[in-house]
């Protein structure tokens, strides 16, 4: 969620594609990997997106080279919005799972209380 929010905030943070000058914002993406343990689990890492920049024509930019080319972050606003929505849905599903587990534990304890 933080990676998408950062990408959206820096959607137009341009820079130069020339070596030694200020580079454009490097967008972030997430990579998830199964932990492969019997209890399950996933590890998610935030990594730089590849390729990080796309060329764009803006001859008036202070970052433009001799041909008027600048670098823009390789970010799709639509993709980032979808990622944010998927994160929201995932969080809600996780909360529902935790609540269901708590409810089952309470029910089990009440059954034992009734028998004692």
C-alpha atoms as a PDB file:
ATOM      1  CA  UNK A   1       0.000   0.000   0.000  1.00  0.00           C
ATOM      2  CA  UNK A   2       2.851   2.390   0.857  1.00  0.00           C
ATOM      3  CA  UNK A   3       4.613   1.636  -2.427  1.00  0.00           C
ATOM      4  CA  UNK A   4       1.496   2.497  -4.458  1.00  0.00           C
ATOM      5  CA  UNK A   5       0.865   5.666  -2.446  1.00  0.00           C
ATOM      6  CA  UNK A   6       4.469   6.770  -2.973  1.00  0.00           C
ATOM      7  CA  UNK A   7       4.250   6.006  -6.693  1.00  0.00           C
ATOM      8  CA  UNK A   8       1.046   8.024  -7.075  1.00  0.00           C
ATOM      9  CA  UNK A   9       2.554  10.961  -5.166  1.00  0.00           C
ATOM     10  CA  UNK A  10       5.597  10.947  -7.477  1.00  0.00           C
ATOM     11  CA  UNK A  11       3.758  10.215 -10.720  1.00  0.00           C
ATOM     12  CA  UNK A  12       5.179  13.306 -12.455  1.00  0.00           C
ATOM     13  CA  UNK A  13       8.525  13.597 -10.649  1.00  0.00           C
ATOM     14  CA  UNK A  14      10.674  13.968 -13.748  1.00  0.00           C
ATOM     15  CA  UNK A  15      14.426  13.866 -14.061  1.00  0.00           C
ATOM     16  CA  UNK A  16      17.210  13.572 -16.553  1.00  0.00           C
ATOM     17  CA  UNK A  17      18.159  10.368 -18.316  1.00  0.00           C
ATOM     18  CA  UNK A  18      21.740  11.629 -18.640  1.00  0.00           C
ATOM     19  CA  UNK A  19      24.402  10.233 -16.323  1.00  0.00           C
ATOM     20  CA  UNK A  20      25.394  12.532 -13.474  1.00  0.00           C
ATOM     21  CA  UNK A  21      22.204  14.607 -13.454  1.00  0.00           C
ATOM     22  CA  UNK A  22      19.155  14.282 -11.207  1.00  0.00           C
ATOM     23  CA  UNK A  23      17.371  11.055 -12.084  1.00  0.00           C
ATOM     24  CA  UNK A  24      13.582  10.704 -12.114  1.00  0.00           C
ATOM     25  CA  UNK A  25      11.799   9.133  -9.150  1.00  0.00           C
ATOM     26  CA  UNK A  26      12.351   5.375  -9.099  1.00  0.00           C
ATOM     27  CA  UNK A  27       8.947   3.693  -8.688  1.00  0.00           C
ATOM     28  CA  UNK A  28       8.499   0.839  -6.249  1.00  0.00           C
ATOM     29  CA  UNK A  29       6.726  -2.468  -6.604  1.00  0.00           C
ATOM     30  CA  UNK A  30       6.094  -5.406  -4.297  1.00  0.00           C
ATOM     31  CA  UNK A  31       7.237  -8.988  -4.715  1.00  0.00           C
ATOM     32  CA  UNK A  32       5.538 -11.694  -2.646  1.00  0.00           C
ATOM     33  CA  UNK A  33       7.060 -15.074  -1.865  1.00  0.00           C
ATOM     34  CA  UNK A  34       5.540 -18.047  -0.066  1.00  0.00           C
ATOM     35  CA  UNK A  35       7.418 -18.998   3.084  1.00  0.00           C
ATOM     36  CA  UNK A  36       6.704 -22.657   2.319  1.00  0.00           C
ATOM     37  CA  UNK A  37       6.111 -23.553   5.939  1.00  0.00           C
ATOM     38  CA  UNK A  38       3.281 -25.840   7.095  1.00  0.00           C
ATOM     39  CA  UNK A  39       1.563 -22.890   8.768  1.00  0.00           C
ATOM     40  CA  UNK A  40       1.674 -20.910   5.543  1.00  0.00           C
ATOM     41  CA  UNK A  41       2.595 -17.298   5.274  1.00  0.00           C
ATOM     42  CA  UNK A  42       3.887 -14.905   2.687  1.00  0.00           C
ATOM     43  CA  UNK A  43       6.811 -12.510   2.721  1.00  0.00           C
ATOM     44  CA  UNK A  44       6.448  -9.326   0.704  1.00  0.00           C
ATOM     45  CA  UNK A  45       9.405  -7.134  -0.213  1.00  0.00           C
ATOM     46  CA  UNK A  46       9.391  -3.661  -1.744  1.00  0.00           C
ATOM     47  CA  UNK A  47      11.796  -3.420  -4.684  1.00  0.00           C
ATOM     48  CA  UNK A  48      12.529  -0.846  -7.410  1.00  0.00           C
ATOM     49  CA  UNK A  49      10.425  -1.290 -10.546  1.00  0.00           C
ATOM     50  CA  UNK A  50      12.233  -2.383 -13.686  1.00  0.00           C
ATOM     51  CA  UNK A  51      12.542  -0.464 -15.961  1.00  0.00           C
ATOM     52  CA  UNK A  52      12.276   2.509 -13.600  1.00  0.00           C
ATOM     53  CA  UNK A  53      11.968   5.286 -16.191  1.00  0.00           C
ATOM     54  CA  UNK A  54      10.340   5.994 -19.527  1.00  0.00           C
ATOM     55  CA  UNK A  55      11.471   8.703 -21.932  1.00  0.00           C
ATOM     56  CA  UNK A  56       9.121  11.609 -22.596  1.00  0.00           C
ATOM     57  CA  UNK A  57       9.349  14.692 -24.778  1.00  0.00           C
ATOM     58  CA  UNK A  58       9.380  17.960 -22.812  1.00  0.00           C
ATOM     59  CA  UNK A  59      11.844  20.450 -24.324  1.00  0.00           C
ATOM     60  CA  UNK A  60      10.920  23.144 -21.762  1.00  0.00           C
ATOM     61  CA  UNK A  61      11.889  20.993 -18.770  1.00  0.00           C
ATOM     62  CA  UNK A  62      15.131  21.828 -16.964  1.00  0.00           C
ATOM     63  CA  UNK A  63      15.903  18.083 -17.155  1.00  0.00           C
ATOM     64  CA  UNK A  64      15.626  17.915 -20.966  1.00  0.00           C
ATOM     65  CA  UNK A  65      18.596  16.784 -23.017  1.00  0.00           C
ATOM     66  CA  UNK A  66      19.568  18.271 -26.406  1.00  0.00           C
ATOM     67  CA  UNK A  67      16.625  16.494 -28.091  1.00  0.00           C
ATOM     68  CA  UNK A  68      14.118  17.615 -25.415  1.00  0.00           C
ATOM     69  CA  UNK A  69      13.865  14.165 -23.816  1.00  0.00           C
ATOM     70  CA  UNK A  70      13.335  13.754 -20.070  1.00  0.00           C
ATOM     71  CA  UNK A  71      12.782  10.732 -17.884  1.00  0.00           C
ATOM     72  CA  UNK A  72       9.461  10.071 -16.188  1.00  0.00           C
ATOM     73  CA  UNK A  73       8.792   7.342 -13.637  1.00  0.00           C
ATOM     74  CA  UNK A  74       7.430   4.143 -15.182  1.00  0.00           C
ATOM     75  CA  UNK A  75       4.119   4.424 -13.320  1.00  0.00           C
ATOM     76  CA  UNK A  76       0.597   3.652 -14.468  1.00  0.00           C
ATOM     77  CA  UNK A  77      -1.962   5.532 -12.358  1.00  0.00           C
ATOM     78  CA  UNK A  78      -4.625   2.953 -13.226  1.00  0.00           C
ATOM     79  CA  UNK A  79      -2.396   0.072 -12.111  1.00  0.00           C
ATOM     80  CA  UNK A  80      -1.561   1.826  -8.839  1.00  0.00           C
ATOM     81  CA  UNK A  81      -5.244   2.479  -8.061  1.00  0.00           C
ATOM     82  CA  UNK A  82      -6.038  -1.198  -8.699  1.00  0.00           C
ATOM     83  CA  UNK A  83      -3.144  -2.192  -6.397  1.00  0.00           C
ATOM     84  CA  UNK A  84      -4.505   0.068  -3.649  1.00  0.00           C
ATOM     85  CA  UNK A  85      -7.985  -1.438  -4.013  1.00  0.00           C
ATOM     86  CA  UNK A  86      -6.584  -4.987  -3.893  1.00  0.00           C
ATOM     87  CA  UNK A  87      -4.643  -4.088  -0.742  1.00  0.00           C
ATOM     88  CA  UNK A  88      -7.826  -2.764   0.852  1.00  0.00           C
ATOM     89  CA  UNK A  89      -9.735  -5.952  -0.011  1.00  0.00           C
ATOM     90  CA  UNK A  90      -6.895  -8.107   1.351  1.00  0.00           C
ATOM     91  CA  UNK A  91      -6.800  -6.197   4.636  1.00  0.00           C
ATOM     92  CA  UNK A  92     -10.569  -6.542   5.031  1.00  0.00           C
ATOM     93  CA  UNK A  93     -10.383 -10.288   4.353  1.00  0.00           C
ATOM     94  CA  UNK A  94      -7.609 -10.684   6.930  1.00  0.00           C
ATOM     95  CA  UNK A  95      -9.626  -8.775   9.528  1.00  0.00           C
ATOM     96  CA  UNK A  96     -12.676 -10.969   8.831  1.00  0.00           C
ATOM     97  CA  UNK A  97     -10.525 -14.085   9.311  1.00  0.00           C
ATOM     98  CA  UNK A  98      -9.195 -12.800  12.638  1.00  0.00           C
ATOM     99  CA  UNK A  99     -12.711 -11.961  13.835  1.00  0.00           C
ATOM    100  CA  UNK A 100     -14.003 -15.407  12.815  1.00  0.00           C
ATOM    101  CA  UNK A 101     -11.145 -17.058  14.709  1.00  0.00           C
ATOM    102  CA  UNK A 102     -11.909 -14.997  17.814  1.00  0.00           C
ATOM    103  CA  UNK A 103     -15.617 -15.866  17.574  1.00  0.00           C
ATOM    104  CA  UNK A 104     -14.842 -19.588  17.284  1.00  0.00           C
ATOM    105  CA  UNK A 105     -12.507 -19.413  20.293  1.00  0.00           C
ATOM    106  CA  UNK A 106     -15.171 -17.657  22.369  1.00  0.00           C
ATOM    107  CA  UNK A 107     -17.776 -20.232  21.325  1.00  0.00           C
ATOM    108  CA  UNK A 108     -15.467 -23.101  22.245  1.00  0.00           C
ATOM    109  CA  UNK A 109     -14.772 -21.567  25.664  1.00  0.00           C
ATOM    110  CA  UNK A 110     -18.489 -21.062  26.289  1.00  0.00           C
ATOM    111  CA  UNK A 111     -19.132 -24.754  25.500  1.00  0.00           C
ATOM    112  CA  UNK A 112     -16.517 -25.767  28.094  1.00  0.00           C
ATOM    113  CA  UNK A 113     -18.004 -23.329  30.625  1.00  0.00           C
ATOM    114  CA  UNK A 114     -21.466 -24.846  30.126  1.00  0.00           C
ATOM    115  CA  UNK A 115     -20.155 -28.371  30.761  1.00  0.00           C
ATOM    116  CA  UNK A 116     -18.228 -27.471  33.916  1.00  0.00           C
END
